Amino acid sequence: MSPPKAFLFFSGEDIMNGLLRNFKKMKRKKVRVAIIDNSIDPSVYNPIDHWRAFLGVPWEAFRAVETCFPDLDKGYTHIILTGSEASIAERENWVYEETEVVQEAVERGIPILGSCYGHQLLVLALRGPAHLRRCPQAEVGWIPIQIRKKNSLLGDEGEVYAFSIHFDEVIGLNDDFLILASTSGCRIHAFELRSKPVWGIQSHPEINISAARELLENLIRLELKSSPLFEAALRMRPKDSGLIWRIVRHFLASGENP
């Protein structure tokens, strides 16, 4: 059986031109990114492979489960918090160590972008566990996302698509946060902290269609109770709006020049 036809809303030329423009701009700005890798088993899910394809600037990865975190005095200008196979509801010691790094980085005004688990960990660090819960219904696959109002991170108001795979969610944020996007099953699908350059996105726009399929296949081989959800997602017709290019461009352009 051949895989479903994929929908891509951007061309190869758009990708290359965007990457080149982004790289030239960030080289002038001397950006240095710290990626905090929250994955548990990189042979199943390796977020570094997903993110590095879009950066085009110097970056360094730190394994959170090994309690390895960036020294914020070493000149890192931006921080990315990746997804994870872990649940934010079941927290080991490394999670609390990471929240301390995040709190200090926010206080210093270092731009931070969290995806999926990283989105949730941002809220854990900034507002605590009362603003996190298990999803009433998990979102797995390429889902429609409603951009609630035009914003620099995601673009114009309207419907877009990105790969998503999450069983936990963020809830109950106050007016310190601007809600950027929602889905039918997740009201806070993307947010911006109004007072600092901090963004969370619940989806995985950094995971392209082929990588998403590979991830789903890896998870199915683990024979988890959630495997039927992964199998159903593999049967979907993928739709990817290419949000990652806008997200990375805006994120890396944020913050003050060093």
C-alpha atoms as a PDB file:
ATOM      1  CA  MET A   1       0.000   0.000   0.000  1.00  0.00           C
ATOM      2  CA  SER A   2       1.472   3.335  -1.031  1.00  0.00           C
ATOM      3  CA  PRO A   3       1.500   6.151   1.533  1.00  0.00           C
ATOM      4  CA  PRO A   4      -1.194   8.833   1.270  1.00  0.00           C
ATOM      5  CA  LYS A   5      -0.399  11.756  -0.970  1.00  0.00           C
ATOM      6  CA  ALA A   6       1.143  14.613   0.976  1.00  0.00           C
ATOM      7  CA  PHE A   7      -0.003  18.223   0.791  1.00  0.00           C
ATOM      8  CA  LEU A   8       2.806  20.758   0.957  1.00  0.00           C
ATOM      9  CA  PHE A   9       1.948  24.448   0.975  1.00  0.00           C
ATOM     10  CA  PHE A  10       5.432  25.673   0.061  1.00  0.00           C
ATOM     11  CA  SER A  11       7.834  25.045  -2.823  1.00  0.00           C
ATOM     12  CA  GLY A  12      11.415  23.825  -2.819  1.00  0.00           C
ATOM     13  CA  GLU A  13      12.502  27.219  -4.136  1.00  0.00           C
ATOM     14  CA  ASP A  14      10.676  28.963  -1.300  1.00  0.00           C
ATOM     15  CA  ILE A  15      12.479  26.750   1.217  1.00  0.00           C
ATOM     16  CA  MET A  16      15.921  27.372  -0.202  1.00  0.00           C
ATOM     17  CA  ASN A  17      15.445  31.119  -0.589  1.00  0.00           C
ATOM     18  CA  GLY A  18      14.047  31.400   2.925  1.00  0.00           C
ATOM     19  CA  LEU A  19      16.905  29.403   4.383  1.00  0.00           C
ATOM     20  CA  LEU A  20      19.536  31.492   2.594  1.00  0.00           C
ATOM     21  CA  ARG A  21      17.951  34.774   3.689  1.00  0.00           C
ATOM     22  CA  ASN A  22      17.676  33.520   7.235  1.00  0.00           C
ATOM     23  CA  PHE A  23      21.280  32.298   7.323  1.00  0.00           C
ATOM     24  CA  LYS A  24      22.714  35.580   5.997  1.00  0.00           C
ATOM     25  CA  LYS A  25      20.698  37.663   8.434  1.00  0.00           C
ATOM     26  CA  MET A  26      21.578  35.550  11.446  1.00  0.00           C
ATOM     27  CA  LYS A  27      25.270  35.443  10.550  1.00  0.00           C
ATOM     28  CA  ARG A  28      25.288  39.232  10.807  1.00  0.00           C
ATOM     29  CA  LYS A  29      23.503  39.053  14.130  1.00  0.00           C
ATOM     30  CA  LYS A  30      25.922  36.464  15.606  1.00  0.00           C
ATOM     31  CA  VAL A  31      23.159  34.193  16.840  1.00  0.00           C
ATOM     32  CA  ARG A  32      24.123  31.157  18.926  1.00  0.00           C
ATOM     33  CA  VAL A  33      21.345  28.696  19.753  1.00  0.00           C
ATOM     34  CA  ALA A  34      21.184  26.259  22.671  1.00  0.00           C
ATOM     35  CA  ILE A  35      18.836  23.336  21.980  1.00  0.00           C
ATOM     36  CA  ILE A  36      17.666  21.549  25.129  1.00  0.00           C
ATOM     37  CA  ASP A  37      16.918  18.036  23.914  1.00  0.00           C
ATOM     38  CA  ASN A  38      14.128  16.503  26.016  1.00  0.00           C
ATOM     39  CA  SER A  39      13.988  13.191  24.177  1.00  0.00           C
ATOM     40  CA  ILE A  40      14.258   9.947  26.140  1.00  0.00           C
ATOM     41  CA  ASP A  41      15.458   7.553  23.421  1.00  0.00           C
ATOM     42  CA  PRO A  42      16.974   9.283  20.361  1.00  0.00           C
ATOM     43  CA  SER A  43      16.730   6.029  18.396  1.00  0.00           C
ATOM     44  CA  VAL A  44      12.944   6.456  18.560  1.00  0.00           C
ATOM     45  CA  TYR A  45      12.652  10.244  18.511  1.00  0.00           C
ATOM     46  CA  ASN A  46      15.602  12.509  17.740  1.00  0.00           C
ATOM     47  CA  PRO A  47      14.500  16.163  17.818  1.00  0.00           C
ATOM     48  CA  ILE A  48      17.978  17.475  17.044  1.00  0.00           C
ATOM     49  CA  ASP A  49      17.741  16.006  13.539  1.00  0.00           C
ATOM     50  CA  HIS A  50      14.469  17.841  13.031  1.00  0.00           C
ATOM     51  CA  TRP A  51      15.552  21.263  14.260  1.00  0.00           C
ATOM     52  CA  ARG A  52      19.038  21.551  12.821  1.00  0.00           C
ATOM     53  CA  ALA A  53      17.712  21.412   9.252  1.00  0.00           C
ATOM     54  CA  PHE A  54      16.059  24.803   9.724  1.00  0.00           C
ATOM     55  CA  LEU A  55      18.526  26.842  11.764  1.00  0.00           C
ATOM     56  CA  GLY A  56      21.435  27.784   9.510  1.00  0.00           C
ATOM     57  CA  VAL A  57      23.229  29.330  12.515  1.00  0.00           C
ATOM     58  CA  PRO A  58      25.630  28.005  15.164  1.00  0.00           C
ATOM     59  CA  TRP A  59      23.889  25.753  17.662  1.00  0.00           C
ATOM     60  CA  GLU A  60      24.723  23.318  20.451  1.00  0.00           C
ATOM     61  CA  ALA A  61      22.572  20.548  21.911  1.00  0.00           C
ATOM     62  CA  PHE A  62      22.180  19.592  25.570  1.00  0.00           C
ATOM     63  CA  ARG A  63      20.612  16.333  26.776  1.00  0.00           C
ATOM     64  CA  ALA A  64      18.153  17.139  29.560  1.00  0.00           C
ATOM     65  CA  VAL A  65      17.791  13.538  30.773  1.00  0.00           C
ATOM     66  CA  GLU A  66      21.541  13.541  31.399  1.00  0.00           C
ATOM     67  CA  THR A  67      21.124  16.775  33.413  1.00  0.00           C
ATOM     68  CA  CYS A  68      23.197  18.592  30.817  1.00  0.00           C
ATOM     69  CA  PHE A  69      22.043  22.180  30.337  1.00  0.00           C
ATOM     70  CA  PRO A  70      23.519  25.307  28.736  1.00  0.00           C
ATOM     71  CA  ASP A  71      25.573  27.716  30.823  1.00  0.00           C
ATOM     72  CA  LEU A  72      23.738  30.976  30.184  1.00  0.00           C
ATOM     73  CA  ASP A  73      26.965  32.915  30.716  1.00  0.00           C
ATOM     74  CA  LYS A  74      28.478  31.294  27.607  1.00  0.00           C
ATOM     75  CA  GLY A  75      26.867  33.618  25.075  1.00  0.00           C
ATOM     76  CA  TYR A  76      23.796  31.694  23.957  1.00  0.00           C
ATOM     77  CA  THR A  77      21.382  34.129  22.345  1.00  0.00           C
ATOM     78  CA  HIS A  78      18.367  31.828  21.853  1.00  0.00           C
ATOM     79  CA  ILE A  79      17.042  28.630  23.433  1.00  0.00           C
ATOM     80  CA  ILE A  80      14.866  25.907  21.899  1.00  0.00           C
ATOM     81  CA  LEU A  81      13.070  23.406  24.135  1.00  0.00           C
ATOM     82  CA  THR A  82      12.253  20.239  22.210  1.00  0.00           C
ATOM     83  CA  GLY A  83       9.501  17.692  22.481  1.00  0.00           C
ATOM     84  CA  SER A  84       9.800  14.447  24.422  1.00  0.00           C
ATOM     85  CA  GLU A  85       8.343  10.966  24.741  1.00  0.00           C
ATOM     86  CA  ALA A  86       7.904  11.778  28.444  1.00  0.00           C
ATOM     87  CA  SER A  87       4.691  13.132  29.966  1.00  0.00           C
ATOM     88  CA  ILE A  88       4.872  16.521  31.664  1.00  0.00           C
ATOM     89  CA  ALA A  89       2.615  14.983  34.344  1.00  0.00           C
ATOM     90  CA  GLU A  90       5.315  12.490  35.379  1.00  0.00           C
ATOM     91  CA  ARG A  91       8.293  14.616  36.295  1.00  0.00           C
ATOM     92  CA  GLU A  92      11.786  13.376  37.169  1.00  0.00           C
ATOM     93  CA  ASN A  93      14.519  15.519  38.723  1.00  0.00           C
ATOM     94  CA  TRP A  94      15.934  16.687  35.391  1.00  0.00           C
ATOM     95  CA  VAL A  95      12.615  18.393  34.622  1.00  0.00           C
ATOM     96  CA  TYR A  96      12.904  20.640  37.669  1.00  0.00           C
ATOM     97  CA  GLU A  97      16.516  21.439  36.822  1.00  0.00           C
ATOM     98  CA  GLU A  98      15.405  22.452  33.356  1.00  0.00           C
ATOM     99  CA  THR A  99      12.664  24.713  34.720  1.00  0.00           C
ATOM    100  CA  GLU A 100      15.306  26.561  36.736  1.00  0.00           C
ATOM    101  CA  VAL A 101      17.363  27.145  33.571  1.00  0.00           C
ATOM    102  CA  VAL A 102      14.235  28.356  31.785  1.00  0.00           C
ATOM    103  CA  GLN A 103      13.297  30.725  34.606  1.00  0.00           C
ATOM    104  CA  GLU A 104      16.760  32.277  34.586  1.00  0.00           C
ATOM    105  CA  ALA A 105      16.762  32.594  30.792  1.00  0.00           C
ATOM    106  CA  VAL A 106      13.358  34.302  30.835  1.00  0.00           C
ATOM    107  CA  GLU A 107      14.566  36.691  33.525  1.00  0.00           C
ATOM    108  CA  ARG A 108      17.564  37.580  31.346  1.00  0.00           C
ATOM    109  CA  GLY A 109      15.332  38.189  28.336  1.00  0.00           C
ATOM    110  CA  ILE A 110      16.824  35.377  26.235  1.00  0.00           C
ATOM    111  CA  PRO A 111      14.344  34.382  23.499  1.00  0.00           C
ATOM    112  CA  ILE A 112      12.898  30.903  24.083  1.00  0.00           C
ATOM    113  CA  LEU A 113      10.837  28.678  21.788  1.00  0.00           C
ATOM    114  CA  GLY A 114       9.224  25.505  23.125  1.00  0.00           C
ATOM    115  CA  SER A 115       7.628  22.811  20.961  1.00  0.00           C
ATOM    116  CA  CYS A 116       5.146  20.243  22.346  1.00  0.00           C
ATOM    117  CA  TYR A 117       6.762  19.048  25.602  1.00  0.00           C
ATOM    118  CA  GLY A 118       8.886  22.204  25.503  1.00  0.00           C
ATOM    119  CA  HIS A 119       5.695  24.284  25.201  1.00  0.00           C
ATOM    120  CA  GLN A 120       4.346  22.560  28.300  1.00  0.00           C
ATOM    121  CA  LEU A 121       7.634  22.835  30.198  1.00  0.00           C
ATOM    122  CA  LEU A 122       7.659  26.590  29.613  1.00  0.00           C
ATOM    123  CA  VAL A 123       4.295  26.829  31.357  1.00  0.00           C
ATOM    124  CA  LEU A 124       5.484  24.553  34.170  1.00  0.00           C
ATOM    125  CA  ALA A 125       8.443  26.893  34.723  1.00  0.00           C
ATOM    126  CA  LEU A 126       6.454  30.116  34.454  1.00  0.00           C
ATOM    127  CA  ARG A 127       3.106  29.233  36.050  1.00  0.00           C
ATOM    128  CA  GLY A 128       3.336  25.785  37.653  1.00  0.00           C
ATOM    129  CA  PRO A 129       1.646  22.374  37.339  1.00  0.00           C
ATOM    130  CA  ALA A 130      -1.901  23.687  37.868  1.00  0.00           C
ATOM    131  CA  HIS A 131      -1.809  24.887  34.259  1.00  0.00           C
ATOM    132  CA  LEU A 132      -1.099  21.447  32.774  1.00  0.00           C
ATOM    133  CA  ARG A 133      -3.227  18.335  32.391  1.00  0.00           C
ATOM    134  CA  ARG A 134      -3.724  15.161  30.393  1.00  0.00           C
ATOM    135  CA  CYS A 135      -5.664  15.842  27.191  1.00  0.00           C
ATOM    136  CA  PRO A 136      -9.325  14.797  27.159  1.00  0.00           C
ATOM    137  CA  GLN A 137      -8.497  13.561  23.654  1.00  0.00           C
ATOM    138  CA  ALA A 138      -4.980  13.130  22.267  1.00  0.00           C
ATOM    139  CA  GLU A 139      -4.062  14.850  18.998  1.00  0.00           C
ATOM    140  CA  VAL A 140      -1.985  12.669  16.703  1.00  0.00           C
ATOM    141  CA  GLY A 141      -1.363  13.349  13.018  1.00  0.00           C
ATOM    142  CA  TRP A 142      -1.608  16.329  10.694  1.00  0.00           C
ATOM    143  CA  ILE A 143      -4.267  18.501  12.258  1.00  0.00           C
ATOM    144  CA  PRO A 144      -5.989  21.782  11.349  1.00  0.00           C
ATOM    145  CA  ILE A 145      -4.840  24.662  13.540  1.00  0.00           C
ATOM    146  CA  GLN A 146      -6.725  27.944  13.769  1.00  0.00           C
ATOM    147  CA  ILE A 147      -4.510  31.020  14.005  1.00  0.00           C
ATOM    148  CA  ARG A 148      -6.707  33.257  16.134  1.00  0.00           C
ATOM    149  CA  LYS A 149      -5.291  36.589  15.063  1.00  0.00           C
ATOM    150  CA  LYS A 150      -2.485  37.716  12.804  1.00  0.00           C
ATOM    151  CA  ASN A 151       0.875  37.508  14.578  1.00  0.00           C
ATOM    152  CA  SER A 152       4.542  37.585  13.629  1.00  0.00           C
ATOM    153  CA  LEU A 153       5.273  34.010  14.709  1.00  0.00           C
ATOM    154  CA  LEU A 154       2.561  32.148  12.789  1.00  0.00           C
ATOM    155  CA  GLY A 155       1.286  34.617  10.207  1.00  0.00           C
ATOM    156  CA  ASP A 156      -2.216  35.580   9.127  1.00  0.00           C
ATOM    157  CA  GLU A 157      -5.426  34.586  10.843  1.00  0.00           C
ATOM    158  CA  GLY A 158      -6.900  31.380   9.420  1.00  0.00           C
ATOM    159  CA  GLU A 159      -6.408  27.634   9.178  1.00  0.00           C
ATOM    160  CA  VAL A 160      -3.021  25.942   8.811  1.00  0.00           C
ATOM    161  CA  TYR A 161      -1.753  22.380   9.190  1.00  0.00           C
ATOM    162  CA  ALA A 162       1.159  20.850  11.094  1.00  0.00           C
ATOM    163  CA  PHE A 163       2.116  17.484  12.540  1.00  0.00           C
ATOM    164  CA  SER A 164       1.057  17.000  16.143  1.00  0.00           C
ATOM    165  CA  ILE A 165       1.445  14.228  18.688  1.00  0.00           C
ATOM    166  CA  HIS A 166       0.550  15.049  22.296  1.00  0.00           C
ATOM    167  CA  PHE A 167      -1.277  13.541  25.245  1.00  0.00           C
ATOM    168  CA  ASP A 168      -0.876  16.513  27.633  1.00  0.00           C
ATOM    169  CA  GLU A 169      -1.889  20.141  27.235  1.00  0.00           C
ATOM    170  CA  VAL A 170      -1.631  23.665  28.650  1.00  0.00           C
ATOM    171  CA  ILE A 171      -4.708  25.197  30.292  1.00  0.00           C
ATOM    172  CA  GLY A 172      -5.870  28.321  32.111  1.00  0.00           C
ATOM    173  CA  LEU A 173      -3.261  30.910  31.169  1.00  0.00           C
ATOM    174  CA  ASN A 174      -3.997  34.479  32.236  1.00  0.00           C
ATOM    175  CA  ASP A 175      -3.641  37.743  30.348  1.00  0.00           C
ATOM    176  CA  ASP A 176       0.143  37.649  30.742  1.00  0.00           C
ATOM    177  CA  PHE A 177      -0.038  35.302  27.751  1.00  0.00           C
ATOM    178  CA  LEU A 178      -1.401  35.955  24.281  1.00  0.00           C
ATOM    179  CA  ILE A 179      -3.082  32.848  22.823  1.00  0.00           C
ATOM    180  CA  LEU A 180      -1.979  32.652  19.192  1.00  0.00           C
ATOM    181  CA  ALA A 181      -3.614  29.455  17.959  1.00  0.00           C
ATOM    182  CA  SER A 182      -6.139  26.786  18.921  1.00  0.00           C
ATOM    183  CA  THR A 183      -7.516  23.487  17.652  1.00  0.00           C
ATOM    184  CA  SER A 184     -10.890  21.856  18.184  1.00  0.00           C
ATOM    185  CA  GLY A 185      -9.409  19.771  21.005  1.00  0.00           C
ATOM    186  CA  CYS A 186      -6.770  22.132  22.423  1.00  0.00           C
ATOM    187  CA  ARG A 187      -7.544  25.765  23.156  1.00  0.00           C
ATOM    188  CA  ILE A 188      -3.942  26.819  23.899  1.00  0.00           C
ATOM    189  CA  HIS A 189      -2.100  25.423  20.911  1.00  0.00           C
ATOM    190  CA  ALA A 190       0.362  28.297  20.704  1.00  0.00           C
ATOM    191  CA  PHE A 191       1.106  31.241  22.968  1.00  0.00           C
ATOM    192  CA  GLU A 192       3.347  34.252  23.395  1.00  0.00           C
ATOM    193  CA  LEU A 193       4.436  35.684  26.730  1.00  0.00           C
ATOM    194  CA  ARG A 194       3.516  39.340  26.416  1.00  0.00           C
ATOM    195  CA  SER A 195       6.402  40.738  28.460  1.00  0.00           C
ATOM    196  CA  LYS A 196       9.282  38.613  27.133  1.00  0.00           C
ATOM    197  CA  PRO A 197      10.371  36.972  23.825  1.00  0.00           C
ATOM    198  CA  VAL A 198       8.943  33.565  24.784  1.00  0.00           C
ATOM    199  CA  TRP A 199       6.745  31.341  22.592  1.00  0.00           C
ATOM    200  CA  GLY A 200       5.205  27.906  22.965  1.00  0.00           C
ATOM    201  CA  ILE A 201       3.751  25.773  20.172  1.00  0.00           C
ATOM    202  CA  GLN A 202       1.966  22.510  20.928  1.00  0.00           C
ATOM    203  CA  SER A 203       2.445  21.040  17.458  1.00  0.00           C
ATOM    204  CA  HIS A 204       5.647  19.846  15.771  1.00  0.00           C
ATOM    205  CA  PRO A 205       6.041  22.054  12.672  1.00  0.00           C
ATOM    206  CA  GLU A 206       9.749  21.145  12.717  1.00  0.00           C
ATOM    207  CA  ILE A 207       8.928  17.490  11.894  1.00  0.00           C
ATOM    208  CA  ASN A 208       8.440  17.145   8.147  1.00  0.00           C
ATOM    209  CA  ILE A 209       6.158  14.564   6.575  1.00  0.00           C
ATOM    210  CA  SER A 210       8.731  11.819   5.990  1.00  0.00           C
ATOM    211  CA  ALA A 211      10.232  12.260   9.472  1.00  0.00           C
ATOM    212  CA  ALA A 212       6.750  12.197  11.019  1.00  0.00           C
ATOM    213  CA  ARG A 213       5.973   8.911   9.309  1.00  0.00           C
ATOM    214  CA  GLU A 214       9.256   7.463  10.544  1.00  0.00           C
ATOM    215  CA  LEU A 215       8.487   8.607  14.094  1.00  0.00           C
ATOM    216  CA  LEU A 216       5.017   7.034  13.981  1.00  0.00           C
ATOM    217  CA  GLU A 217       6.487   3.759  12.727  1.00  0.00           C
ATOM    218  CA  ASN A 218       9.088   3.800  15.517  1.00  0.00           C
ATOM    219  CA  LEU A 219       6.368   4.319  18.111  1.00  0.00           C
ATOM    220  CA  ILE A 220       4.208   1.547  16.662  1.00  0.00           C
ATOM    221  CA  ARG A 221       7.116  -0.884  17.048  1.00  0.00           C
ATOM    222  CA  LEU A 222       7.106  -0.182  20.789  1.00  0.00           C
ATOM    223  CA  GLU A 223       3.640  -1.793  20.989  1.00  0.00           C
ATOM    224  CA  LEU A 224       2.235   0.871  23.289  1.00  0.00           C
ATOM    225  CA  LYS A 225      -1.428   1.136  24.268  1.00  0.00           C
ATOM    226  CA  SER A 226      -1.575   4.247  22.103  1.00  0.00           C
ATOM    227  CA  SER A 227      -0.393   2.390  18.971  1.00  0.00           C
ATOM    228  CA  PRO A 228      -3.865   2.496  17.318  1.00  0.00           C
ATOM    229  CA  LEU A 229      -3.630   6.302  17.314  1.00  0.00           C
ATOM    230  CA  PHE A 230      -0.247   6.141  15.591  1.00  0.00           C
ATOM    231  CA  GLU A 231      -1.537   3.633  13.046  1.00  0.00           C
ATOM    232  CA  ALA A 232      -4.537   5.844  12.275  1.00  0.00           C
ATOM    233  CA  ALA A 233      -2.231   8.835  11.780  1.00  0.00           C
ATOM    234  CA  LEU A 234      -0.161   6.871   9.259  1.00  0.00           C
ATOM    235  CA  ARG A 235      -3.306   6.346   7.213  1.00  0.00           C
ATOM    236  CA  MET A 236      -4.040  10.074   7.099  1.00  0.00           C
ATOM    237  CA  ARG A 237      -3.371  12.257   4.097  1.00  0.00           C
ATOM    238  CA  PRO A 238      -0.564  14.514   5.412  1.00  0.00           C
ATOM    239  CA  LYS A 239      -0.937  18.284   5.217  1.00  0.00           C
ATOM    240  CA  ASP A 240       1.948  20.561   6.117  1.00  0.00           C
ATOM    241  CA  SER A 241       1.651  24.341   5.758  1.00  0.00           C
ATOM    242  CA  GLY A 242       5.386  24.909   6.201  1.00  0.00           C
ATOM    243  CA  LEU A 243       4.960  27.006   9.350  1.00  0.00           C
ATOM    244  CA  ILE A 244       8.458  26.137  10.519  1.00  0.00           C
ATOM    245  CA  TRP A 245      10.113  28.637   8.158  1.00  0.00           C
ATOM    246  CA  ARG A 246       8.172  31.612   9.485  1.00  0.00           C
ATOM    247  CA  ILE A 247       8.531  30.417  13.089  1.00  0.00           C
ATOM    248  CA  VAL A 248      12.304  30.011  12.943  1.00  0.00           C
ATOM    249  CA  ARG A 249      12.817  33.271  11.047  1.00  0.00           C
ATOM    250  CA  HIS A 250      10.815  35.277  13.580  1.00  0.00           C
ATOM    251  CA  PHE A 251      12.311  33.487  16.575  1.00  0.00           C
ATOM    252  CA  LEU A 252      15.929  33.953  15.516  1.00  0.00           C
ATOM    253  CA  ALA A 253      15.312  37.598  14.643  1.00  0.00           C
ATOM    254  CA  SER A 254      13.963  38.270  18.137  1.00  0.00           C
ATOM    255  CA  GLY A 255      16.006  39.613  21.027  1.00  0.00           C
ATOM    256  CA  GLU A 256      18.694  42.249  21.068  1.00  0.00           C
ATOM    257  CA  ASN A 257      21.815  42.061  18.973  1.00  0.00           C
ATOM    258  CA  PRO A 258      24.761  40.873  21.092  1.00  0.00           C
END
